[in-house]
Amino acid sequence: QQQQQQKKSQNQKAALHNRSPSTLVTMGRAGSFVLQGLDVVNALQLERGRTGLYLSTGSFGTELDTVQRQTDARVRVDAKDGTMDGLEDFPEVQSLVAELQRVPEWLRLDR
């Protein structure tokens, strides 16, 4: 039984390192969280760019407001019980979900 557990652990570790973007579709919920994470990164980068323009020129305030609202809409992750259900085999996705849940608080402190 111990050998079976070790082999399962080794297989899981190998699977973690052999994933490609094309496997996201077959990952179900885990894949959707990864895609949401990529979307949030893109939104945060866009907001950072608009913030830089606003701070350096004093212009683009309307665009910054719009981008901030769009970012806020993208960073929402339901923190309800069960968010991590079905993600037991994806510890990196569990970490991503935990980070995504913190983003709104970080934005509140940074803005």
N, C-alpha and C. Protein backbone atom coordinates (compact mmCIF):
# COMPACT_ATOMS: atom_id res chain seq x y z
N GLN A 1 0.83 -1.20 0.00
CA GLN A 1 0.00 0.00 0.00
C GLN A 1 0.88 1.26 0.00
N GLN A 2 1.96 1.22 0.74
CA GLN A 2 2.87 2.37 0.77
C GLN A 2 3.49 2.59 -0.60
N GLN A 3 3.83 1.51 -1.30
CA GLN A 3 4.39 1.64 -2.64
C GLN A 3 3.37 2.24 -3.60
N GLN A 4 2.10 1.85 -3.45
CA GLN A 4 1.06 2.40 -4.30
C GLN A 4 0.90 3.91 -4.06
N GLN A 5 0.96 4.32 -2.79
CA GLN A 5 0.86 5.74 -2.47
C GLN A 5 2.04 6.52 -3.03
N GLN A 6 3.24 5.95 -2.94
CA GLN A 6 4.42 6.61 -3.48
C GLN A 6 4.32 6.75 -4.99
N LYS A 7 3.85 5.69 -5.66
CA LYS A 7 3.70 5.74 -7.11
C LYS A 7 2.65 6.77 -7.50
N LYS A 8 1.54 6.82 -6.77
CA LYS A 8 0.49 7.81 -7.05
C LYS A 8 1.04 9.22 -6.87
N SER A 9 1.81 9.44 -5.81
CA SER A 9 2.41 10.74 -5.56
C SER A 9 3.37 11.12 -6.68
N GLN A 10 4.18 10.17 -7.14
CA GLN A 10 5.11 10.44 -8.24
C GLN A 10 4.36 10.76 -9.53
N ASN A 11 3.28 10.03 -9.79
CA ASN A 11 2.48 10.29 -10.99
C ASN A 11 1.85 11.68 -10.94
N GLN A 12 1.37 12.07 -9.75
CA GLN A 12 0.77 13.40 -9.61
C GLN A 12 1.81 14.49 -9.85
N LYS A 13 3.00 14.30 -9.31
CA LYS A 13 4.07 15.29 -9.51
C LYS A 13 4.44 15.39 -10.98
N ALA A 14 4.52 14.25 -11.65
CA ALA A 14 4.85 14.26 -13.08
C ALA A 14 3.75 14.96 -13.86
N ALA A 15 2.50 14.73 -13.48
CA ALA A 15 1.38 15.36 -14.18
C ALA A 15 1.41 16.87 -14.02
N LEU A 16 1.84 17.35 -12.86
CA LEU A 16 1.90 18.79 -12.62
C LEU A 16 2.85 19.47 -13.59
N HIS A 17 3.90 18.80 -13.96
CA HIS A 17 4.91 19.40 -14.80
C HIS A 17 4.71 19.12 -16.29
N ASN A 18 3.74 18.29 -16.62
CA ASN A 18 3.51 17.94 -18.02
C ASN A 18 2.25 18.58 -18.59
N ARG A 19 1.71 19.56 -17.93
CA ARG A 19 0.49 20.20 -18.41
C ARG A 19 0.84 21.28 -19.42
N SER A 20 0.04 21.37 -20.45
CA SER A 20 0.20 22.41 -21.45
C SER A 20 -1.11 23.17 -21.54
N PRO A 21 -1.10 24.35 -22.17
CA PRO A 21 -2.35 25.12 -22.27
C PRO A 21 -3.48 24.33 -22.92
N SER A 22 -3.16 23.40 -23.82
CA SER A 22 -4.22 22.65 -24.48
C SER A 22 -4.94 21.71 -23.52
N THR A 23 -4.34 21.42 -22.38
CA THR A 23 -5.01 20.54 -21.42
C THR A 23 -5.98 21.30 -20.53
N LEU A 24 -5.99 22.63 -20.61
CA LEU A 24 -6.88 23.40 -19.75
C LEU A 24 -8.34 23.04 -19.96
N VAL A 25 -8.70 22.77 -21.19
CA VAL A 25 -10.09 22.43 -21.50
C VAL A 25 -10.49 21.15 -20.78
N THR A 26 -9.60 20.18 -20.71
CA THR A 26 -9.93 18.92 -20.08
C THR A 26 -9.81 18.98 -18.56
N MET A 27 -9.30 20.06 -18.03
CA MET A 27 -9.14 20.19 -16.58
C MET A 27 -10.42 20.67 -15.90
N GLY A 28 -11.44 21.00 -16.64
CA GLY A 28 -12.71 21.39 -16.05
C GLY A 28 -12.60 22.64 -15.20
N ARG A 29 -13.06 22.53 -13.96
CA ARG A 29 -13.07 23.68 -13.04
C ARG A 29 -11.68 24.24 -12.81
N ALA A 30 -10.71 23.37 -12.66
CA ALA A 30 -9.34 23.83 -12.45
C ALA A 30 -8.88 24.68 -13.63
N GLY A 31 -9.18 24.23 -14.83
CA GLY A 31 -8.82 24.99 -16.02
C GLY A 31 -9.50 26.34 -16.08
N SER A 32 -10.75 26.39 -15.64
CA SER A 32 -11.46 27.67 -15.67
C SER A 32 -10.84 28.66 -14.69
N PHE A 33 -10.35 28.17 -13.54
CA PHE A 33 -9.68 29.07 -12.61
C PHE A 33 -8.35 29.57 -13.19
N VAL A 34 -7.64 28.70 -13.90
CA VAL A 34 -6.39 29.12 -14.54
C VAL A 34 -6.67 30.21 -15.58
N LEU A 35 -7.69 29.99 -16.39
CA LEU A 35 -8.05 31.00 -17.39
C LEU A 35 -8.49 32.30 -16.72
N GLN A 36 -9.22 32.20 -15.63
CA GLN A 36 -9.62 33.41 -14.91
C GLN A 36 -8.39 34.12 -14.36
N GLY A 37 -7.43 33.36 -13.86
CA GLY A 37 -6.19 33.97 -13.37
C GLY A 37 -5.46 34.73 -14.46
N LEU A 38 -5.41 34.16 -15.66
CA LEU A 38 -4.77 34.85 -16.78
C LEU A 38 -5.53 36.12 -17.15
N ASP A 39 -6.85 36.05 -17.10
CA ASP A 39 -7.68 37.21 -17.40
C ASP A 39 -7.45 38.32 -16.37
N VAL A 40 -7.33 37.94 -15.10
CA VAL A 40 -7.08 38.92 -14.04
C VAL A 40 -5.72 39.58 -14.23
N VAL A 41 -4.71 38.79 -14.56
CA VAL A 41 -3.37 39.36 -14.80
C VAL A 41 -3.44 40.38 -15.93
N ASN A 42 -4.12 40.03 -17.00
CA ASN A 42 -4.27 40.96 -18.12
C ASN A 42 -4.97 42.24 -17.68
N ALA A 43 -6.04 42.12 -16.92
CA ALA A 43 -6.78 43.29 -16.45
C ALA A 43 -5.92 44.16 -15.53
N LEU A 44 -5.16 43.52 -14.66
CA LEU A 44 -4.29 44.28 -13.75
C LEU A 44 -3.19 45.02 -14.51
N GLN A 45 -2.66 44.39 -15.55
CA GLN A 45 -1.63 45.06 -16.35
C GLN A 45 -2.22 46.25 -17.10
N LEU A 46 -3.41 46.09 -17.63
CA LEU A 46 -4.06 47.20 -18.32
C LEU A 46 -4.33 48.35 -17.35
N GLU A 47 -4.81 48.02 -16.16
CA GLU A 47 -5.06 49.05 -15.16
C GLU A 47 -3.77 49.74 -14.75
N ARG A 48 -2.71 48.98 -14.60
CA ARG A 48 -1.41 49.58 -14.23
C ARG A 48 -0.96 50.57 -15.30
N GLY A 49 -1.15 50.22 -16.57
CA GLY A 49 -0.78 51.13 -17.65
C GLY A 49 -1.58 52.41 -17.63
N ARG A 50 -2.90 52.28 -17.43
CA ARG A 50 -3.76 53.49 -17.37
C ARG A 50 -3.44 54.33 -16.14
N THR A 51 -3.10 53.67 -15.05
CA THR A 51 -2.72 54.41 -13.84
C THR A 51 -1.45 55.20 -14.09
N GLY A 52 -0.48 54.58 -14.77
CA GLY A 52 0.77 55.28 -15.09
C GLY A 52 0.52 56.49 -15.97
N LEU A 53 -0.35 56.35 -16.97
CA LEU A 53 -0.68 57.49 -17.83
C LEU A 53 -1.35 58.60 -17.03
N TYR A 54 -2.27 58.22 -16.16
CA TYR A 54 -2.98 59.22 -15.35
C TYR A 54 -2.01 59.95 -14.42
N LEU A 55 -1.14 59.19 -13.76
CA LEU A 55 -0.22 59.82 -12.81
C LEU A 55 0.83 60.68 -13.51
N SER A 56 1.24 60.29 -14.71
CA SER A 56 2.30 61.06 -15.38
C SER A 56 1.76 62.24 -16.19
N THR A 57 0.52 62.17 -16.64
CA THR A 57 0.00 63.25 -17.48
C THR A 57 -1.17 64.00 -16.86
N GLY A 58 -1.84 63.39 -15.90
CA GLY A 58 -3.03 64.02 -15.33
C GLY A 58 -4.26 63.81 -16.21
N SER A 59 -4.07 63.17 -17.35
CA SER A 59 -5.18 62.88 -18.26
C SER A 59 -5.58 61.42 -18.09
N PHE A 60 -6.53 61.00 -18.88
CA PHE A 60 -6.98 59.60 -18.91
C PHE A 60 -7.72 59.18 -17.65
N GLY A 61 -8.25 60.13 -16.89
CA GLY A 61 -9.00 59.80 -15.67
C GLY A 61 -10.24 58.98 -15.96
N THR A 62 -10.96 59.34 -17.02
CA THR A 62 -12.17 58.60 -17.39
C THR A 62 -11.82 57.17 -17.79
N GLU A 63 -10.76 57.03 -18.58
CA GLU A 63 -10.33 55.70 -19.00
C GLU A 63 -9.89 54.87 -17.80
N LEU A 64 -9.21 55.50 -16.85
CA LEU A 64 -8.77 54.79 -15.65
C LEU A 64 -9.97 54.30 -14.86
N ASP A 65 -10.98 55.14 -14.70
CA ASP A 65 -12.19 54.72 -13.98
C ASP A 65 -12.84 53.51 -14.65
N THR A 66 -12.91 53.56 -15.97
CA THR A 66 -13.51 52.46 -16.73
C THR A 66 -12.71 51.18 -16.55
N VAL A 67 -11.40 51.27 -16.66
CA VAL A 67 -10.53 50.10 -16.52
C VAL A 67 -10.62 49.54 -15.11
N GLN A 68 -10.70 50.39 -14.10
CA GLN A 68 -10.82 49.91 -12.73
C GLN A 68 -12.12 49.15 -12.52
N ARG A 69 -13.22 49.64 -13.09
CA ARG A 69 -14.49 48.92 -12.99
C ARG A 69 -14.40 47.57 -13.69
N GLN A 70 -13.75 47.53 -14.85
CA GLN A 70 -13.59 46.27 -15.57
C GLN A 70 -12.72 45.29 -14.77
N THR A 71 -11.67 45.81 -14.15
CA THR A 71 -10.81 44.96 -13.32
C THR A 71 -11.60 44.41 -12.15
N ASP A 72 -12.37 45.26 -11.48
CA ASP A 72 -13.16 44.81 -10.34
C ASP A 72 -14.12 43.69 -10.73
N ALA A 73 -14.70 43.79 -11.92
CA ALA A 73 -15.63 42.76 -12.37
C ALA A 73 -14.90 41.44 -12.64
N ARG A 74 -13.66 41.51 -13.06
CA ARG A 74 -12.92 40.30 -13.40
C ARG A 74 -12.31 39.60 -12.19
N VAL A 75 -12.04 40.32 -11.13
CA VAL A 75 -11.33 39.71 -10.00
C VAL A 75 -12.26 39.03 -9.00
N ARG A 76 -13.54 39.08 -9.24
CA ARG A 76 -14.47 38.46 -8.30
C ARG A 76 -14.36 36.94 -8.37
N VAL A 77 -14.04 36.34 -7.24
CA VAL A 77 -14.03 34.89 -7.10
C VAL A 77 -14.93 34.59 -5.92
N ASP A 78 -15.91 33.74 -6.15
CA ASP A 78 -16.80 33.38 -5.05
C ASP A 78 -16.01 32.71 -3.95
N ALA A 79 -16.08 33.27 -2.76
CA ALA A 79 -15.36 32.70 -1.61
C ALA A 79 -16.29 31.80 -0.80
N LYS A 80 -17.32 31.30 -1.44
CA LYS A 80 -18.28 30.44 -0.75
C LYS A 80 -17.62 29.12 -0.39
N ASP A 81 -18.20 28.45 0.60
CA ASP A 81 -17.75 27.11 0.92
C ASP A 81 -17.86 26.25 -0.32
N GLY A 82 -16.88 25.41 -0.54
CA GLY A 82 -16.91 24.53 -1.70
C GLY A 82 -16.11 25.04 -2.87
N THR A 83 -15.53 26.25 -2.76
CA THR A 83 -14.74 26.77 -3.87
C THR A 83 -13.62 25.82 -4.25
N MET A 84 -13.03 25.17 -3.26
CA MET A 84 -11.90 24.28 -3.51
C MET A 84 -12.32 22.84 -3.83
N ASP A 85 -13.62 22.55 -3.77
CA ASP A 85 -14.09 21.20 -4.07
C ASP A 85 -13.68 20.79 -5.48
N GLY A 86 -13.15 19.60 -5.60
CA GLY A 86 -12.75 19.09 -6.89
C GLY A 86 -11.37 19.53 -7.34
N LEU A 87 -10.68 20.27 -6.50
CA LEU A 87 -9.34 20.76 -6.87
C LEU A 87 -8.23 20.06 -6.08
N GLU A 88 -8.57 18.94 -5.46
CA GLU A 88 -7.60 18.25 -4.60
C GLU A 88 -6.34 17.83 -5.36
N ASP A 89 -6.49 17.50 -6.64
CA ASP A 89 -5.34 17.06 -7.44
C ASP A 89 -4.59 18.23 -8.08
N PHE A 90 -5.00 19.45 -7.77
CA PHE A 90 -4.41 20.63 -8.39
C PHE A 90 -4.00 21.64 -7.31
N PRO A 91 -2.94 21.34 -6.55
CA PRO A 91 -2.55 22.26 -5.46
C PRO A 91 -2.16 23.65 -5.98
N GLU A 92 -1.60 23.72 -7.19
CA GLU A 92 -1.22 25.03 -7.73
C GLU A 92 -2.47 25.85 -8.04
N VAL A 93 -3.55 25.19 -8.43
CA VAL A 93 -4.80 25.91 -8.70
C VAL A 93 -5.43 26.34 -7.38
N GLN A 94 -5.32 25.53 -6.35
CA GLN A 94 -5.80 25.94 -5.03
C GLN A 94 -5.09 27.22 -4.58
N SER A 95 -3.79 27.29 -4.81
CA SER A 95 -3.03 28.50 -4.46
C SER A 95 -3.49 29.69 -5.30
N LEU A 96 -3.75 29.45 -6.57
CA LEU A 96 -4.23 30.52 -7.46
C LEU A 96 -5.57 31.04 -6.99
N VAL A 97 -6.48 30.14 -6.62
CA VAL A 97 -7.80 30.56 -6.12
C VAL A 97 -7.64 31.41 -4.86
N ALA A 98 -6.77 30.98 -3.96
CA ALA A 98 -6.53 31.76 -2.74
C ALA A 98 -6.00 33.15 -3.06
N GLU A 99 -5.10 33.24 -4.03
CA GLU A 99 -4.57 34.55 -4.44
C GLU A 99 -5.66 35.40 -5.08
N LEU A 100 -6.46 34.80 -5.95
CA LEU A 100 -7.54 35.54 -6.61
C LEU A 100 -8.53 36.09 -5.58
N GLN A 101 -8.76 35.35 -4.52
CA GLN A 101 -9.68 35.82 -3.49
C GLN A 101 -9.14 37.03 -2.74
N ARG A 102 -7.82 37.20 -2.75
CA ARG A 102 -7.20 38.33 -2.04
C ARG A 102 -7.07 39.59 -2.90
N VAL A 103 -7.15 39.45 -4.21
CA VAL A 103 -6.92 40.58 -5.11
C VAL A 103 -7.83 41.77 -4.81
N PRO A 104 -9.14 41.60 -4.59
CA PRO A 104 -9.97 42.78 -4.31
C PRO A 104 -9.49 43.58 -3.09
N GLU A 105 -9.03 42.89 -2.07
CA GLU A 105 -8.52 43.59 -0.88
C GLU A 105 -7.22 44.34 -1.21
N TRP A 106 -6.35 43.72 -1.98
CA TRP A 106 -5.11 44.41 -2.37
C TRP A 106 -5.42 45.65 -3.19
N LEU A 107 -6.37 45.53 -4.10
CA LEU A 107 -6.75 46.70 -4.92
C LEU A 107 -7.33 47.79 -4.04
N ARG A 108 -8.14 47.42 -3.08
CA ARG A 108 -8.73 48.42 -2.19
C ARG A 108 -7.63 49.18 -1.44
N LEU A 109 -6.59 48.49 -1.03
CA LEU A 109 -5.51 49.13 -0.29
C LEU A 109 -4.60 49.97 -1.20
N ASP A 110 -4.45 49.54 -2.45
CA ASP A 110 -3.53 50.22 -3.38
C ASP A 110 -4.11 51.43 -4.07
N ARG A 111 -5.41 51.47 -4.21
CA ARG A 111 -5.99 52.56 -5.01
C ARG A 111 -6.15 53.82 -4.19
